[in-house]
Structures are given as structure tokens and as C-alpha cells.
């Protein structure tokens, strides 16, 4: 995973600060986050996080998202995880629904060798790399929150 040198503001001392302040009502980090969501298809849940970027905000140049790797970036302080698998670029809020720590809290290696799963570096919760659905360990029954992205003119943008 590449971090692009953008650190998560406040995470070095208070890793949960960004998401534990002002969390939407449907999120409860104590019982494992967004549990019970029937599917992990695209929702607007990402918009309910504090500091969520507006549609059209530039995430990063496409070339910064390396094929087959997870790339952690910030958009005006909002943490995203970008995956570029083949011609498809997807994004998730960089927060494990188990405790709302950044997925790369302890390690920058998040994508499994086969590229099929995202693994939280804190408690090894496993999520499907395409859908964000929890498929292993503490990820079961939870979902990563996808953020819609598109790639006009070589730039990854929200929306």
C-alpha cells in the first residue's frame, strides 16, 4: 500500500478522534460499527462522516493509485482508501467498522496477495476488496463504507 506521504491529522495520538467525534447515529464503534447492514452496495453513508468531501473533489492523480495496491490518501483531511484493480478504481472510507481506526493504523500492507481482500491492520478484520463486505474475523457482519469515485482526465474525483 502506498500512503503518498499524507498523514491522518490527529491519528498519531488519538487514532479514533476523527470518527468518534460526530459519528452518525447508525454507527456504534463499541458494538462493531455498521452491523446488520443487509448488503454493502453503494450507499451515501460516507457523506455522514465529519469532513466528508464534496462531490467533484479531487482525490489524487490516477497514476498515484498503483495497480493491485491499496493507496491511502486524504481529501481535505478526510481519509480514503483507493483500490485500483484492473481498469476499476474504487474507494472506501479509511475506517474499519470494528472500532473506526484507520485500516492502515498498524501497517501499510492492507491488500491480500491475491488482491481479493482488504485486511485491517489493527485486528485483521477481512473485507471483500470489491464490495467492502466483511468476510473474515471481526469484519463479519459489517461493511466498509464505499465512496463513489470516477476518473475524468486522469484524476480520481469524488462522484
Protein backbone atom coordinates (compact mmCIF):
# COMPACT_ATOMS: atom_id res chain seq x y z
CA UNK A 1 0.00 0.00 0.00
CA UNK A 2 1.19 3.50 -0.73
CA UNK A 3 0.47 6.33 1.66
CA UNK A 4 1.52 9.26 -0.57
CA UNK A 5 3.00 10.92 2.48
CA UNK A 6 -0.30 12.31 3.69
CA UNK A 7 -0.74 11.64 7.37
CA UNK A 8 -4.08 11.36 9.13
CA UNK A 9 -4.45 14.50 11.22
CA UNK A 10 -4.65 13.63 14.91
CA UNK A 11 -4.20 9.91 14.42
CA UNK A 12 -0.71 9.68 15.91
CA UNK A 13 -2.01 10.46 19.41
CA UNK A 14 -5.75 9.86 19.22
CA UNK A 15 -6.32 7.37 16.39
CA UNK A 16 -10.13 7.33 16.72
CA UNK A 17 -10.58 11.08 17.20
CA UNK A 18 -11.70 11.91 13.66
CA UNK A 19 -14.52 9.39 13.60
CA UNK A 20 -15.57 9.22 17.22
CA UNK A 21 -16.46 12.89 17.22
CA UNK A 22 -19.75 13.46 15.47
CA UNK A 23 -20.38 9.93 14.24
CA UNK A 24 -23.73 9.40 12.56
CA UNK A 25 -26.33 7.80 14.83
CA UNK A 26 -26.28 4.47 12.96
CA UNK A 27 -22.60 3.95 13.82
CA UNK A 28 -21.69 2.43 17.16
CA UNK A 29 -17.96 1.67 17.42
CA UNK A 30 -18.48 -0.15 20.71
CA UNK A 31 -20.57 -2.97 19.20
CA UNK A 32 -18.69 -3.19 15.93
CA UNK A 33 -19.84 -0.33 13.75
CA UNK A 34 -22.35 -0.72 10.96
CA UNK A 35 -23.51 -4.19 11.83
CA UNK A 36 -26.58 -5.73 10.32
CA UNK A 37 -26.48 -3.87 7.01
CA UNK A 38 -28.03 -6.36 4.60
CA UNK A 39 -25.65 -5.62 1.77
CA UNK A 40 -22.64 -3.49 1.14
CA UNK A 41 -23.72 -1.92 -2.12
CA UNK A 42 -23.08 1.75 -2.74
CA UNK A 43 -24.73 3.90 -0.10
CA UNK A 44 -24.42 7.53 0.85
CA UNK A 45 -23.19 6.62 4.35
CA UNK A 46 -19.78 8.15 3.55
CA UNK A 47 -21.45 11.57 3.38
CA UNK A 48 -22.48 11.32 7.04
CA UNK A 49 -18.89 11.28 8.35
CA UNK A 50 -17.48 14.54 9.69
CA UNK A 51 -15.48 16.32 6.99
CA UNK A 52 -16.74 14.21 4.07
CA UNK A 53 -15.56 15.73 0.78
CA UNK A 54 -17.98 17.24 -1.68
CA UNK A 55 -18.75 15.57 -4.98
CA UNK A 56 -16.22 16.63 -7.57
CA UNK A 57 -13.37 16.95 -5.05
CA UNK A 58 -10.08 15.72 -6.49
CA UNK A 59 -8.74 12.68 -4.63
CA UNK A 60 -5.42 12.19 -6.44
CA UNK A 61 -3.98 11.65 -9.90
CA UNK A 62 -4.79 8.20 -11.29
CA UNK A 63 -1.07 7.42 -11.57
CA UNK A 64 -0.74 7.72 -7.76
CA UNK A 65 -3.10 4.75 -7.32
CA UNK A 66 -0.84 1.85 -8.26
CA UNK A 67 -2.45 -1.16 -9.94
CA UNK A 68 -3.01 -4.01 -7.48
CA UNK A 69 -2.23 -1.94 -4.39
CA UNK A 70 -4.19 -0.10 -1.72
CA UNK A 71 -3.45 3.62 -1.55
CA UNK A 72 -4.38 5.71 1.48
CA UNK A 73 -4.99 9.38 0.81
CA UNK A 74 -6.71 12.34 2.39
CA UNK A 75 -9.11 14.73 0.72
CA UNK A 76 -9.05 17.91 2.80
CA UNK A 77 -8.28 15.80 5.88
CA UNK A 78 -10.84 13.08 5.10
CA UNK A 79 -9.19 9.62 4.90
CA UNK A 80 -9.91 7.38 1.92
CA UNK A 81 -8.60 4.03 0.78
CA UNK A 82 -8.26 3.81 -3.02
CA UNK A 83 -8.03 0.46 -4.83
CA UNK A 84 -7.05 0.16 -8.46
CA UNK A 85 -7.74 -3.35 -9.67
CA UNK A 86 -7.53 -3.67 -13.44
CA UNK A 87 -9.43 -0.83 -15.06
CA UNK A 88 -11.62 -0.39 -11.99
CA UNK A 89 -10.93 2.24 -9.32
CA UNK A 90 -12.89 2.03 -6.07
CA UNK A 91 -12.76 3.94 -2.81
CA UNK A 92 -13.76 3.27 0.78
CA UNK A 93 -13.69 5.44 3.87
CA UNK A 94 -10.41 4.50 5.56
CA UNK A 95 -12.08 3.37 8.79
CA UNK A 96 -12.58 -0.19 9.98
CA UNK A 97 -16.19 -0.58 11.16
CA UNK A 98 -14.98 -2.65 14.11
CA UNK A 99 -13.50 0.30 16.04
CA UNK A 100 -13.22 3.07 13.45
CA UNK A 101 -9.47 3.05 13.44
CA UNK A 102 -7.82 3.67 10.07
CA UNK A 103 -7.41 0.39 8.22
CA UNK A 104 -3.68 1.16 7.98
CA UNK A 105 -3.35 2.02 11.69
CA UNK A 106 -0.54 -0.50 12.30
CA UNK A 107 0.65 -1.37 8.80
CA UNK A 108 0.51 -0.08 5.27
CA UNK A 109 0.01 -3.58 3.88
CA UNK A 110 -3.78 -3.93 3.53
CA UNK A 111 -4.47 -5.87 0.36
CA UNK A 112 -4.04 -9.65 0.39
CA UNK A 113 -1.56 -11.15 -2.06
CA UNK A 114 -4.35 -12.25 -4.41
CA UNK A 115 -5.98 -8.79 -4.26
CA UNK A 116 -9.30 -10.27 -3.13
CA UNK A 117 -9.43 -8.88 0.42
CA UNK A 118 -8.67 -5.77 2.38
CA UNK A 119 -7.34 -6.63 5.83
CA UNK A 120 -7.48 -4.16 8.72
CA UNK A 121 -4.00 -3.88 10.18
CA UNK A 122 -5.29 -3.49 13.74
CA UNK A 123 -7.41 -6.61 14.36
CA UNK A 124 -7.15 -8.42 10.97
CA UNK A 125 -10.81 -7.92 10.04
CA UNK A 126 -11.20 -9.03 6.42
CA UNK A 127 -13.32 -7.27 3.77
CA UNK A 128 -14.06 -8.10 0.16
CA UNK A 129 -11.94 -5.76 -1.98
CA UNK A 130 -14.75 -5.21 -4.49
CA UNK A 131 -17.82 -4.81 -2.27
CA UNK A 132 -16.36 -3.91 1.14
CA UNK A 133 -18.42 -6.68 2.75
CA UNK A 134 -16.91 -8.20 5.89
CA UNK A 135 -15.79 -11.73 5.07
CA UNK A 136 -13.44 -12.72 7.90
CA UNK A 137 -12.92 -12.28 11.62
CA UNK A 138 -14.16 -9.04 13.14
CA UNK A 139 -15.28 -7.90 9.70
CA UNK A 140 -18.11 -10.44 9.57
CA UNK A 141 -21.49 -8.74 9.57
CA UNK A 142 -20.00 -5.32 8.86
CA UNK A 143 -19.17 -3.31 5.75
CA UNK A 144 -16.64 -0.73 4.73
CA UNK A 145 -18.35 2.44 3.58
CA UNK A 146 -17.76 2.92 -0.14
CA UNK A 147 -17.30 6.38 -1.59
CA UNK A 148 -18.14 6.91 -5.26
CA UNK A 149 -15.22 7.86 -7.48
CA UNK A 150 -14.74 8.48 -11.17
CA UNK A 151 -11.66 9.14 -13.30
CA UNK A 152 -12.12 12.07 -15.66
CA UNK A 153 -8.97 13.33 -17.39
CA UNK A 154 -6.57 11.19 -15.36
CA UNK A 155 -7.76 12.46 -11.95
CA UNK A 156 -9.63 10.37 -9.39
CA UNK A 157 -12.54 12.50 -8.14
CA UNK A 158 -15.43 12.01 -5.73
CA UNK A 159 -18.65 11.24 -7.56
